[in-house]
């Protein structure tokens, strides 16, 4: 075949198969709007933006610190574990007794020696307190200090290996980005519903209005109809790909990780560098703009909790 013909026809060859990307595109469309499969351009129209967001999400998942071993021995030796959990009982409640772990264990058998990995997300709060300080040889009371505490521990992406947990986290990050698009579309739908309601109210008022009022209402109705046509156009399925591009091609605007370094003493009080134990965290800033501190945990025998400890934990919750 002549060179120019070979070049011409080579440009018509289909792109090489990429099962991972195809699965990601299908996941995105299924979560956003399944009808997009019938709107034309599927899946090619979405491959570039989804591929970009998938790479970004996977890179973020690799930046989450850990895995950190979590057990009673680690609690005594690892300042990171002591910083994020107030006591061994708290991390047991967050792990072994958490709903996420129990749901996972219902579908996965775990025997003694089982290894599990999970991502923990938690809220970090700082509050002013009054404490004691050694100033030279004297002890000063009521010294303003800043205490750091963690709460609302939530487990996600539970699996039997670090690699699988990071892949589950990648999917979670991708879902979060798609959620940004879904939120925008939902806002557009609500705006359209409000305009439709306003149109109905104006038309009803026109039936009983006098001549002067009718002129004003007619002008308002025309403006409302113009806005409604624009709103309808915005919700055309063919526009959804543009909304996806706006988020998936600029994912750092909607989801990011920020490293945080704290220096804490054994009481969780912030200190200057060199005065406390260094704690390194990563904060995730996502859809709600609030910060979640995240880390990858590794635990052994997560589902093997003695019945006496289960009863004691349940009793503590009942008495709260």
C-alpha atoms as a PDB file:
ATOM      1  CA  UNK A   1       0.000   0.000   0.000  1.00  0.00           C
ATOM      2  CA  UNK A   2       1.417   3.425  -0.935  1.00  0.00           C
ATOM      3  CA  UNK A   3       2.710   5.430   1.962  1.00  0.00           C
ATOM      4  CA  UNK A   4       0.101   8.190   1.841  1.00  0.00           C
ATOM      5  CA  UNK A   5      -2.780   5.660   1.688  1.00  0.00           C
ATOM      6  CA  UNK A   6      -1.329   3.725   4.589  1.00  0.00           C
ATOM      7  CA  UNK A   7      -1.121   6.957   6.567  1.00  0.00           C
ATOM      8  CA  UNK A   8      -4.688   7.863   5.629  1.00  0.00           C
ATOM      9  CA  UNK A   9      -6.237   4.563   6.652  1.00  0.00           C
ATOM     10  CA  UNK A  10      -4.148   4.229   9.796  1.00  0.00           C
ATOM     11  CA  UNK A  11      -5.890   7.346  11.070  1.00  0.00           C
ATOM     12  CA  UNK A  12      -9.221   5.539  10.815  1.00  0.00           C
ATOM     13  CA  UNK A  13      -8.221   2.665  13.050  1.00  0.00           C
ATOM     14  CA  UNK A  14     -10.131   2.473  16.325  1.00  0.00           C
ATOM     15  CA  UNK A  15      -8.295   3.452  19.480  1.00  0.00           C
ATOM     16  CA  UNK A  16      -6.723   0.523  21.302  1.00  0.00           C
ATOM     17  CA  UNK A  17      -8.971  -1.125  23.840  1.00  0.00           C
ATOM     18  CA  UNK A  18      -8.610   0.088  27.410  1.00  0.00           C
ATOM     19  CA  UNK A  19     -10.869  -2.007  29.655  1.00  0.00           C
ATOM     20  CA  UNK A  20      -9.995   0.010  32.759  1.00  0.00           C
ATOM     21  CA  UNK A  21     -10.922   3.318  31.120  1.00  0.00           C
ATOM     22  CA  UNK A  22     -14.063   1.841  29.573  1.00  0.00           C
ATOM     23  CA  UNK A  23     -15.138   0.623  33.017  1.00  0.00           C
ATOM     24  CA  UNK A  24     -14.451   4.063  34.487  1.00  0.00           C
ATOM     25  CA  UNK A  25     -16.500   5.784  31.772  1.00  0.00           C
ATOM     26  CA  UNK A  26     -19.380   3.391  32.377  1.00  0.00           C
ATOM     27  CA  UNK A  27     -19.156   4.013  36.125  1.00  0.00           C
ATOM     28  CA  UNK A  28     -19.226   7.792  35.639  1.00  0.00           C
ATOM     29  CA  UNK A  29     -22.199   7.724  33.270  1.00  0.00           C
ATOM     30  CA  UNK A  30     -24.137   5.271  35.434  1.00  0.00           C
ATOM     31  CA  UNK A  31     -23.741   7.565  38.425  1.00  0.00           C
ATOM     32  CA  UNK A  32     -24.490  10.785  36.566  1.00  0.00           C
ATOM     33  CA  UNK A  33     -27.216   9.904  34.073  1.00  0.00           C
ATOM     34  CA  UNK A  34     -27.602   6.457  32.434  1.00  0.00           C
ATOM     35  CA  UNK A  35     -29.581   7.979  29.534  1.00  0.00           C
ATOM     36  CA  UNK A  36     -26.334   9.550  28.293  1.00  0.00           C
ATOM     37  CA  UNK A  37     -25.532   6.203  26.695  1.00  0.00           C
ATOM     38  CA  UNK A  38     -28.322   6.957  24.222  1.00  0.00           C
ATOM     39  CA  UNK A  39     -27.589  10.658  23.737  1.00  0.00           C
ATOM     40  CA  UNK A  40     -24.831  10.151  21.173  1.00  0.00           C
ATOM     41  CA  UNK A  41     -21.068  10.160  21.457  1.00  0.00           C
ATOM     42  CA  UNK A  42     -20.916   7.454  24.110  1.00  0.00           C
ATOM     43  CA  UNK A  43     -18.346   6.384  25.175  1.00  0.00           C
ATOM     44  CA  UNK A  44     -15.792   8.250  23.039  1.00  0.00           C
ATOM     45  CA  UNK A  45     -17.017  11.720  24.030  1.00  0.00           C
ATOM     46  CA  UNK A  46     -16.228  11.043  27.681  1.00  0.00           C
ATOM     47  CA  UNK A  47     -12.961   9.145  27.451  1.00  0.00           C
ATOM     48  CA  UNK A  48     -10.556  12.104  27.595  1.00  0.00           C
ATOM     49  CA  UNK A  49     -12.076  13.801  30.630  1.00  0.00           C
ATOM     50  CA  UNK A  50     -12.608  10.550  32.536  1.00  0.00           C
ATOM     51  CA  UNK A  51      -9.053   9.410  31.773  1.00  0.00           C
ATOM     52  CA  UNK A  52      -7.682  12.694  33.128  1.00  0.00           C
ATOM     53  CA  UNK A  53      -9.775  12.524  36.284  1.00  0.00           C
ATOM     54  CA  UNK A  54      -8.908   8.854  36.808  1.00  0.00           C
ATOM     55  CA  UNK A  55      -5.180   9.604  36.680  1.00  0.00           C
ATOM     56  CA  UNK A  56      -5.679  12.462  39.118  1.00  0.00           C
ATOM     57  CA  UNK A  57      -7.749  10.344  41.505  1.00  0.00           C
ATOM     58  CA  UNK A  58      -5.198   7.529  41.450  1.00  0.00           C
ATOM     59  CA  UNK A  59      -2.379   9.960  42.167  1.00  0.00           C
ATOM     60  CA  UNK A  60      -4.326  11.334  45.142  1.00  0.00           C
ATOM     61  CA  UNK A  61      -4.953   7.825  46.448  1.00  0.00           C
ATOM     62  CA  UNK A  62      -1.225   7.146  46.429  1.00  0.00           C
ATOM     63  CA  UNK A  63      -0.593  10.281  48.501  1.00  0.00           C
ATOM     64  CA  UNK A  64      -2.709   9.139  51.443  1.00  0.00           C
ATOM     65  CA  UNK A  65      -0.195   8.228  54.185  1.00  0.00           C
ATOM     66  CA  UNK A  66       0.102   4.728  55.560  1.00  0.00           C
ATOM     67  CA  UNK A  67      -0.550   1.979  56.047  1.00  0.00           C
ATOM     68  CA  UNK A  68      -0.261   2.516  59.789  1.00  0.00           C
ATOM     69  CA  UNK A  69      -0.516  -0.546  62.018  1.00  0.00           C
ATOM     70  CA  UNK A  70      -3.268  -0.138  64.531  1.00  0.00           C
ATOM     71  CA  UNK A  71      -3.431  -2.292  67.669  1.00  0.00           C
ATOM     72  CA  UNK A  72      -2.995  -1.868  71.403  1.00  0.00           C
ATOM     73  CA  UNK A  73       0.773  -2.190  71.188  1.00  0.00           C
ATOM     74  CA  UNK A  74       0.946   0.437  68.452  1.00  0.00           C
ATOM     75  CA  UNK A  75      -1.146   2.743  70.610  1.00  0.00           C
ATOM     76  CA  UNK A  76       1.585   2.775  73.260  1.00  0.00           C
ATOM     77  CA  UNK A  77       4.425   3.242  70.783  1.00  0.00           C
ATOM     78  CA  UNK A  78       3.098   5.273  67.856  1.00  0.00           C
ATOM     79  CA  UNK A  79       2.369   8.965  68.575  1.00  0.00           C
ATOM     80  CA  UNK A  80       0.283   9.168  65.397  1.00  0.00           C
ATOM     81  CA  UNK A  81      -2.192   6.580  66.714  1.00  0.00           C
ATOM     82  CA  UNK A  82      -2.333   8.257  70.121  1.00  0.00           C
ATOM     83  CA  UNK A  83      -2.992  11.598  68.431  1.00  0.00           C
ATOM     84  CA  UNK A  84      -5.947  10.472  66.325  1.00  0.00           C
ATOM     85  CA  UNK A  85      -7.559   8.171  68.921  1.00  0.00           C
ATOM     86  CA  UNK A  86      -8.190   9.213  72.512  1.00  0.00           C
ATOM     87  CA  UNK A  87      -7.853   5.644  73.819  1.00  0.00           C
ATOM     88  CA  UNK A  88      -7.512   2.015  72.678  1.00  0.00           C
ATOM     89  CA  UNK A  89     -11.242   1.632  73.303  1.00  0.00           C
ATOM     90  CA  UNK A  90     -11.920   4.445  70.860  1.00  0.00           C
ATOM     91  CA  UNK A  91      -9.955   2.898  68.022  1.00  0.00           C
ATOM     92  CA  UNK A  92     -11.588  -0.472  68.705  1.00  0.00           C
ATOM     93  CA  UNK A  93     -15.009   1.176  68.456  1.00  0.00           C
ATOM     94  CA  UNK A  94     -13.956   2.969  65.266  1.00  0.00           C
ATOM     95  CA  UNK A  95     -12.633  -0.219  63.683  1.00  0.00           C
ATOM     96  CA  UNK A  96     -13.998  -3.488  65.007  1.00  0.00           C
ATOM     97  CA  UNK A  97     -17.386  -2.154  66.088  1.00  0.00           C
ATOM     98  CA  UNK A  98     -17.949   0.363  63.289  1.00  0.00           C
ATOM     99  CA  UNK A  99     -20.895  -0.154  60.954  1.00  0.00           C
ATOM    100  CA  UNK A 100     -18.604  -0.091  57.909  1.00  0.00           C
ATOM    101  CA  UNK A 101     -16.428  -2.885  59.298  1.00  0.00           C
ATOM    102  CA  UNK A 102     -19.393  -4.969  60.413  1.00  0.00           C
ATOM    103  CA  UNK A 103     -21.007  -4.596  56.980  1.00  0.00           C
ATOM    104  CA  UNK A 104     -17.755  -5.679  55.354  1.00  0.00           C
ATOM    105  CA  UNK A 105     -17.383  -8.688  57.629  1.00  0.00           C
ATOM    106  CA  UNK A 106     -20.917  -9.852  56.830  1.00  0.00           C
ATOM    107  CA  UNK A 107     -19.851 -10.509  53.258  1.00  0.00           C
ATOM    108  CA  UNK A 108     -16.246 -11.532  53.880  1.00  0.00           C
ATOM    109  CA  UNK A 109     -15.108 -14.264  56.227  1.00  0.00           C
ATOM    110  CA  UNK A 110     -12.229 -13.226  58.465  1.00  0.00           C
ATOM    111  CA  UNK A 111     -10.409 -15.713  60.670  1.00  0.00           C
ATOM    112  CA  UNK A 112      -7.686 -15.269  63.240  1.00  0.00           C
ATOM    113  CA  UNK A 113      -4.672 -13.807  61.493  1.00  0.00           C
ATOM    114  CA  UNK A 114      -6.736 -11.994  58.840  1.00  0.00           C
ATOM    115  CA  UNK A 115      -5.264  -8.734  57.569  1.00  0.00           C
ATOM    116  CA  UNK A 116      -7.430  -5.815  56.563  1.00  0.00           C
ATOM    117  CA  UNK A 117      -6.721  -2.352  55.238  1.00  0.00           C
ATOM    118  CA  UNK A 118      -9.027   0.648  55.393  1.00  0.00           C
ATOM    119  CA  UNK A 119      -9.002   4.404  54.974  1.00  0.00           C
ATOM    120  CA  UNK A 120     -10.025   6.394  58.032  1.00  0.00           C
ATOM    121  CA  UNK A 121     -11.414   9.898  57.664  1.00  0.00           C
ATOM    122  CA  UNK A 122     -11.836  12.152  60.691  1.00  0.00           C
ATOM    123  CA  UNK A 123     -12.563  15.700  61.663  1.00  0.00           C
ATOM    124  CA  UNK A 124      -9.695  17.610  63.230  1.00  0.00           C
ATOM    125  CA  UNK A 125     -10.659  20.301  65.692  1.00  0.00           C
ATOM    126  CA  UNK A 126      -8.592  22.801  67.604  1.00  0.00           C
ATOM    127  CA  UNK A 127      -9.903  24.505  70.706  1.00  0.00           C
ATOM    128  CA  UNK A 128      -8.488  26.889  73.267  1.00  0.00           C
ATOM    129  CA  UNK A 129      -7.936  25.501  76.751  1.00  0.00           C
ATOM    130  CA  UNK A 130      -6.217  26.598  79.941  1.00  0.00           C
ATOM    131  CA  UNK A 131      -3.380  24.412  81.168  1.00  0.00           C
ATOM    132  CA  UNK A 132      -0.139  24.322  83.072  1.00  0.00           C
ATOM    133  CA  UNK A 133       3.298  25.313  81.817  1.00  0.00           C
ATOM    134  CA  UNK A 134       6.758  25.078  83.301  1.00  0.00           C
ATOM    135  CA  UNK A 135       8.325  28.537  83.127  1.00  0.00           C
ATOM    136  CA  UNK A 136      11.854  28.065  84.361  1.00  0.00           C
ATOM    137  CA  UNK A 137      11.524  26.320  87.724  1.00  0.00           C
ATOM    138  CA  UNK A 138       7.987  27.568  88.338  1.00  0.00           C
ATOM    139  CA  UNK A 139       4.666  26.042  87.321  1.00  0.00           C
ATOM    140  CA  UNK A 140       2.183  28.496  85.850  1.00  0.00           C
ATOM    141  CA  UNK A 141      -1.517  27.688  85.856  1.00  0.00           C
ATOM    142  CA  UNK A 142      -4.264  28.875  83.528  1.00  0.00           C
ATOM    143  CA  UNK A 143      -1.908  29.236  80.579  1.00  0.00           C
ATOM    144  CA  UNK A 144      -3.773  29.567  77.238  1.00  0.00           C
ATOM    145  CA  UNK A 145      -3.090  26.510  75.069  1.00  0.00           C
ATOM    146  CA  UNK A 146      -4.457  24.914  71.916  1.00  0.00           C
ATOM    147  CA  UNK A 147      -5.690  21.332  72.130  1.00  0.00           C
ATOM    148  CA  UNK A 148      -6.053  19.193  69.012  1.00  0.00           C
ATOM    149  CA  UNK A 149      -8.605  16.404  68.901  1.00  0.00           C
ATOM    150  CA  UNK A 150     -10.044  14.090  66.270  1.00  0.00           C
ATOM    151  CA  UNK A 151     -13.637  12.892  66.032  1.00  0.00           C
ATOM    152  CA  UNK A 152     -16.254  11.430  63.684  1.00  0.00           C
ATOM    153  CA  UNK A 153     -13.935   8.631  62.588  1.00  0.00           C
ATOM    154  CA  UNK A 154     -15.276   6.999  59.423  1.00  0.00           C
ATOM    155  CA  UNK A 155     -13.946   3.922  57.647  1.00  0.00           C
ATOM    156  CA  UNK A 156     -14.056   3.458  53.884  1.00  0.00           C
ATOM    157  CA  UNK A 157     -12.360   1.393  51.178  1.00  0.00           C
ATOM    158  CA  UNK A 158     -11.958  -1.732  53.318  1.00  0.00           C
ATOM    159  CA  UNK A 159     -10.123  -4.623  51.682  1.00  0.00           C
ATOM    160  CA  UNK A 160      -7.548  -7.355  52.231  1.00  0.00           C
ATOM    161  CA  UNK A 161      -4.620  -5.539  50.629  1.00  0.00           C
ATOM    162  CA  UNK A 162      -3.112  -2.082  50.484  1.00  0.00           C
ATOM    163  CA  UNK A 163      -3.240  -2.064  46.687  1.00  0.00           C
ATOM    164  CA  UNK A 164      -6.953  -2.909  46.621  1.00  0.00           C
ATOM    165  CA  UNK A 165      -7.775  -0.307  49.262  1.00  0.00           C
ATOM    166  CA  UNK A 166      -5.960   2.389  47.298  1.00  0.00           C
ATOM    167  CA  UNK A 167      -7.841   1.332  44.167  1.00  0.00           C
ATOM    168  CA  UNK A 168     -11.141   1.551  46.047  1.00  0.00           C
ATOM    169  CA  UNK A 169     -10.081   4.991  47.248  1.00  0.00           C
ATOM    170  CA  UNK A 170      -9.347   5.965  43.645  1.00  0.00           C
ATOM    171  CA  UNK A 171     -12.919   5.034  42.729  1.00  0.00           C
ATOM    172  CA  UNK A 172     -14.210   6.992  45.713  1.00  0.00           C
ATOM    173  CA  UNK A 173     -12.295  10.098  44.630  1.00  0.00           C
ATOM    174  CA  UNK A 174     -13.628   9.740  41.078  1.00  0.00           C
ATOM    175  CA  UNK A 175     -17.166   9.389  42.450  1.00  0.00           C
ATOM    176  CA  UNK A 176     -16.654  12.555  44.471  1.00  0.00           C
ATOM    177  CA  UNK A 177     -15.741  14.489  41.338  1.00  0.00           C
ATOM    178  CA  UNK A 178     -18.776  13.137  39.499  1.00  0.00           C
ATOM    179  CA  UNK A 179     -20.821  14.165  42.519  1.00  0.00           C
ATOM    180  CA  UNK A 180     -19.790  17.758  41.877  1.00  0.00           C
ATOM    181  CA  UNK A 181     -21.316  17.528  38.408  1.00  0.00           C
ATOM    182  CA  UNK A 182     -24.434  15.831  39.748  1.00  0.00           C
ATOM    183  CA  UNK A 183     -24.833  18.627  42.296  1.00  0.00           C
ATOM    184  CA  UNK A 184     -24.722  21.260  39.560  1.00  0.00           C
ATOM    185  CA  UNK A 185     -27.287  19.413  37.469  1.00  0.00           C
ATOM    186  CA  UNK A 186     -29.544  19.028  40.494  1.00  0.00           C
ATOM    187  CA  UNK A 187     -29.313  22.777  41.094  1.00  0.00           C
ATOM    188  CA  UNK A 188     -30.304  23.379  37.462  1.00  0.00           C
ATOM    189  CA  UNK A 189     -33.281  21.046  37.865  1.00  0.00           C
ATOM    190  CA  UNK A 190     -34.419  22.845  40.997  1.00  0.00           C
ATOM    191  CA  UNK A 191     -34.075  26.201  39.262  1.00  0.00           C
ATOM    192  CA  UNK A 192     -36.213  24.924  36.378  1.00  0.00           C
ATOM    193  CA  UNK A 193     -38.861  23.624  38.776  1.00  0.00           C
ATOM    194  CA  UNK A 194     -38.969  27.027  40.479  1.00  0.00           C
ATOM    195  CA  UNK A 195     -39.453  28.730  37.118  1.00  0.00           C
ATOM    196  CA  UNK A 196     -42.213  26.299  36.154  1.00  0.00           C
ATOM    197  CA  UNK A 197     -43.970  27.002  39.428  1.00  0.00           C
ATOM    198  CA  UNK A 198     -43.616  30.747  38.884  1.00  0.00           C
ATOM    199  CA  UNK A 199     -45.035  30.407  35.366  1.00  0.00           C
ATOM    200  CA  UNK A 200     -48.077  28.593  36.713  1.00  0.00           C
ATOM    201  CA  UNK A 201     -48.660  31.213  39.384  1.00  0.00           C
ATOM    202  CA  UNK A 202     -48.369  34.078  36.905  1.00  0.00           C
ATOM    203  CA  UNK A 203     -50.777  32.458  34.459  1.00  0.00           C
ATOM    204  CA  UNK A 204     -53.286  31.902  37.255  1.00  0.00           C
ATOM    205  CA  UNK A 205     -53.042  35.533  38.354  1.00  0.00           C
ATOM    206  CA  UNK A 206     -53.517  36.747  34.796  1.00  0.00           C
ATOM    207  CA  UNK A 207     -57.034  35.285  34.726  1.00  0.00           C
ATOM    208  CA  UNK A 208     -58.252  37.627  37.485  1.00  0.00           C
ATOM    209  CA  UNK A 209     -56.016  40.662  36.947  1.00  0.00           C
ATOM    210  CA  UNK A 210     -57.305  44.075  35.845  1.00  0.00           C
ATOM    211  CA  UNK A 211     -55.898  45.795  32.770  1.00  0.00           C
ATOM    212  CA  UNK A 212     -53.062  47.590  34.568  1.00  0.00           C
ATOM    213  CA  UNK A 213     -52.007  44.528  36.549  1.00  0.00           C
ATOM    214  CA  UNK A 214     -52.368  42.310  33.481  1.00  0.00           C
ATOM    215  CA  UNK A 215     -49.776  44.355  31.563  1.00  0.00           C
ATOM    216  CA  UNK A 216     -47.233  43.985  34.373  1.00  0.00           C
ATOM    217  CA  UNK A 217     -47.925  40.291  34.837  1.00  0.00           C
ATOM    218  CA  UNK A 218     -47.663  39.652  31.095  1.00  0.00           C
ATOM    219  CA  UNK A 219     -44.211  41.245  30.996  1.00  0.00           C
ATOM    220  CA  UNK A 220     -43.126  39.200  33.996  1.00  0.00           C
ATOM    221  CA  UNK A 221     -44.494  36.049  32.385  1.00  0.00           C
ATOM    222  CA  UNK A 222     -42.548  36.707  29.181  1.00  0.00           C
ATOM    223  CA  UNK A 223     -39.341  37.124  31.167  1.00  0.00           C
ATOM    224  CA  UNK A 224     -40.070  33.929  33.086  1.00  0.00           C
ATOM    225  CA  UNK A 225     -40.694  32.014  29.855  1.00  0.00           C
ATOM    226  CA  UNK A 226     -37.381  33.264  28.470  1.00  0.00           C
ATOM    227  CA  UNK A 227     -35.584  32.066  31.583  1.00  0.00           C
ATOM    228  CA  UNK A 228     -37.425  28.750  31.418  1.00  0.00           C
ATOM    229  CA  UNK A 229     -36.343  28.160  27.821  1.00  0.00           C
ATOM    230  CA  UNK A 230     -32.739  28.832  28.805  1.00  0.00           C
ATOM    231  CA  UNK A 231     -33.087  26.522  31.798  1.00  0.00           C
ATOM    232  CA  UNK A 232     -34.502  23.765  29.608  1.00  0.00           C
ATOM    233  CA  UNK A 233     -31.593  24.179  27.208  1.00  0.00           C
ATOM    234  CA  UNK A 234     -29.126  23.847  30.081  1.00  0.00           C
ATOM    235  CA  UNK A 235     -30.653  20.482  30.976  1.00  0.00           C
ATOM    236  CA  UNK A 236     -30.360  19.079  27.469  1.00  0.00           C
ATOM    237  CA  UNK A 237     -28.477  15.783  27.776  1.00  0.00           C
ATOM    238  CA  UNK A 238     -26.045  16.958  25.113  1.00  0.00           C
ATOM    239  CA  UNK A 239     -24.809  19.607  27.573  1.00  0.00           C
ATOM    240  CA  UNK A 240     -23.884  17.092  30.256  1.00  0.00           C
ATOM    241  CA  UNK A 241     -20.575  16.230  28.608  1.00  0.00           C
ATOM    242  CA  UNK A 242     -19.541  19.887  28.887  1.00  0.00           C
ATOM    243  CA  UNK A 243     -20.439  19.892  32.582  1.00  0.00           C
ATOM    244  CA  UNK A 244     -18.300  16.788  33.073  1.00  0.00           C
ATOM    245  CA  UNK A 245     -15.400  18.381  31.237  1.00  0.00           C
ATOM    246  CA  UNK A 246     -15.584  21.453  33.462  1.00  0.00           C
ATOM    247  CA  UNK A 247     -14.937  19.307  36.548  1.00  0.00           C
ATOM    248  CA  UNK A 248     -13.019  16.256  35.362  1.00  0.00           C
ATOM    249  CA  UNK A 249     -10.480  18.256  33.359  1.00  0.00           C
ATOM    250  CA  UNK A 250      -9.828  20.555  36.342  1.00  0.00           C
ATOM    251  CA  UNK A 251     -10.210  18.121  39.257  1.00  0.00           C
ATOM    252  CA  UNK A 252      -7.804  19.978  41.522  1.00  0.00           C
ATOM    253  CA  UNK A 253     -10.393  22.758  41.862  1.00  0.00           C
ATOM    254  CA  UNK A 254     -12.912  20.355  43.361  1.00  0.00           C
ATOM    255  CA  UNK A 255     -10.872  17.767  45.258  1.00  0.00           C
ATOM    256  CA  UNK A 256      -7.392  18.017  46.681  1.00  0.00           C
ATOM    257  CA  UNK A 257      -5.108  16.825  49.446  1.00  0.00           C
ATOM    258  CA  UNK A 258      -3.034  19.126  51.611  1.00  0.00           C
ATOM    259  CA  UNK A 259      -0.214  17.953  53.899  1.00  0.00           C
ATOM    260  CA  UNK A 260      -0.380  19.094  57.512  1.00  0.00           C
ATOM    261  CA  UNK A 261       2.390  18.865  60.111  1.00  0.00           C
ATOM    262  CA  UNK A 262       1.565  19.196  63.808  1.00  0.00           C
ATOM    263  CA  UNK A 263       3.742  19.114  66.900  1.00  0.00           C
ATOM    264  CA  UNK A 264       1.823  17.688  69.839  1.00  0.00           C
ATOM    265  CA  UNK A 265       2.685  16.666  73.350  1.00  0.00           C
ATOM    266  CA  UNK A 266       1.250  13.538  74.999  1.00  0.00           C
ATOM    267  CA  UNK A 267      -1.856  15.490  76.044  1.00  0.00           C
ATOM    268  CA  UNK A 268      -2.624  16.590  72.492  1.00  0.00           C
ATOM    269  CA  UNK A 269      -1.495  20.190  73.069  1.00  0.00           C
ATOM    270  CA  UNK A 270       0.069  22.027  70.141  1.00  0.00           C
ATOM    271  CA  UNK A 271       3.718  22.861  70.614  1.00  0.00           C
ATOM    272  CA  UNK A 272       6.404  24.615  68.668  1.00  0.00           C
ATOM    273  CA  UNK A 273       8.637  22.484  66.407  1.00  0.00           C
ATOM    274  CA  UNK A 274      11.124  20.590  68.544  1.00  0.00           C
ATOM    275  CA  UNK A 275       8.917  20.736  71.644  1.00  0.00           C
ATOM    276  CA  UNK A 276       6.435  18.008  70.763  1.00  0.00           C
ATOM    277  CA  UNK A 277       6.163  14.869  68.700  1.00  0.00           C
ATOM    278  CA  UNK A 278       5.847  15.533  64.978  1.00  0.00           C
ATOM    279  CA  UNK A 279       2.570  14.294  63.497  1.00  0.00           C
ATOM    280  CA  UNK A 280       2.138  14.334  59.737  1.00  0.00           C
ATOM    281  CA  UNK A 281      -1.345  14.247  58.282  1.00  0.00           C
ATOM    282  CA  UNK A 282      -3.063  14.766  54.982  1.00  0.00           C
ATOM    283  CA  UNK A 283      -6.266  16.806  54.788  1.00  0.00           C
ATOM    284  CA  UNK A 284      -8.791  16.096  52.073  1.00  0.00           C
ATOM    285  CA  UNK A 285     -10.834  19.070  50.884  1.00  0.00           C
ATOM    286  CA  UNK A 286     -13.758  17.947  48.779  1.00  0.00           C
ATOM    287  CA  UNK A 287     -17.301  18.737  47.810  1.00  0.00           C
ATOM    288  CA  UNK A 288     -18.392  20.340  51.081  1.00  0.00           C
ATOM    289  CA  UNK A 289     -15.151  22.379  51.386  1.00  0.00           C
ATOM    290  CA  UNK A 290     -14.644  21.035  54.872  1.00  0.00           C
ATOM    291  CA  UNK A 291     -11.464  19.239  55.818  1.00  0.00           C
ATOM    292  CA  UNK A 292     -11.176  15.537  56.523  1.00  0.00           C
ATOM    293  CA  UNK A 293      -7.886  14.207  57.821  1.00  0.00           C
ATOM    294  CA  UNK A 294      -7.275  10.854  56.120  1.00  0.00           C
ATOM    295  CA  UNK A 295      -4.863   7.961  56.611  1.00  0.00           C
ATOM    296  CA  UNK A 296      -4.538   4.350  55.546  1.00  0.00           C
ATOM    297  CA  UNK A 297      -4.763   1.873  58.416  1.00  0.00           C
ATOM    298  CA  UNK A 298      -3.728  -1.759  58.679  1.00  0.00           C
ATOM    299  CA  UNK A 299      -5.241  -4.030  61.282  1.00  0.00           C
ATOM    300  CA  UNK A 300      -5.085  -7.705  62.118  1.00  0.00           C
ATOM    301  CA  UNK A 301      -8.009  -9.827  63.347  1.00  0.00           C
ATOM    302  CA  UNK A 302     -10.466  -6.916  62.907  1.00  0.00           C
ATOM    303  CA  UNK A 303     -13.510  -9.113  63.262  1.00  0.00           C
ATOM    304  CA  UNK A 304     -12.289 -11.163  66.195  1.00  0.00           C
ATOM    305  CA  UNK A 305     -13.532  -9.233  69.208  1.00  0.00           C
ATOM    306  CA  UNK A 306     -14.141 -11.084  72.489  1.00  0.00           C
ATOM    307  CA  UNK A 307     -17.806 -11.143  73.505  1.00  0.00           C
ATOM    308  CA  UNK A 308     -16.994  -9.510  76.851  1.00  0.00           C
ATOM    309  CA  UNK A 309     -15.491  -6.525  75.030  1.00  0.00           C
ATOM    310  CA  UNK A 310     -18.504  -6.316  72.714  1.00  0.00           C
ATOM    311  CA  UNK A 311     -20.843  -6.240  75.711  1.00  0.00           C
ATOM    312  CA  UNK A 312     -18.721  -3.651  77.516  1.00  0.00           C
ATOM    313  CA  UNK A 313     -18.662  -1.436  74.399  1.00  0.00           C
ATOM    314  CA  UNK A 314     -22.407  -1.783  73.938  1.00  0.00           C
ATOM    315  CA  UNK A 315     -22.953  -0.926  77.615  1.00  0.00           C
ATOM    316  CA  UNK A 316     -20.843   2.219  77.275  1.00  0.00           C
ATOM    317  CA  UNK A 317     -22.883   3.389  74.288  1.00  0.00           C
ATOM    318  CA  UNK A 318     -26.176   2.713  76.098  1.00  0.00           C
ATOM    319  CA  UNK A 319     -25.042   4.708  79.127  1.00  0.00           C
ATOM    320  CA  UNK A 320     -23.984   7.756  77.113  1.00  0.00           C
END
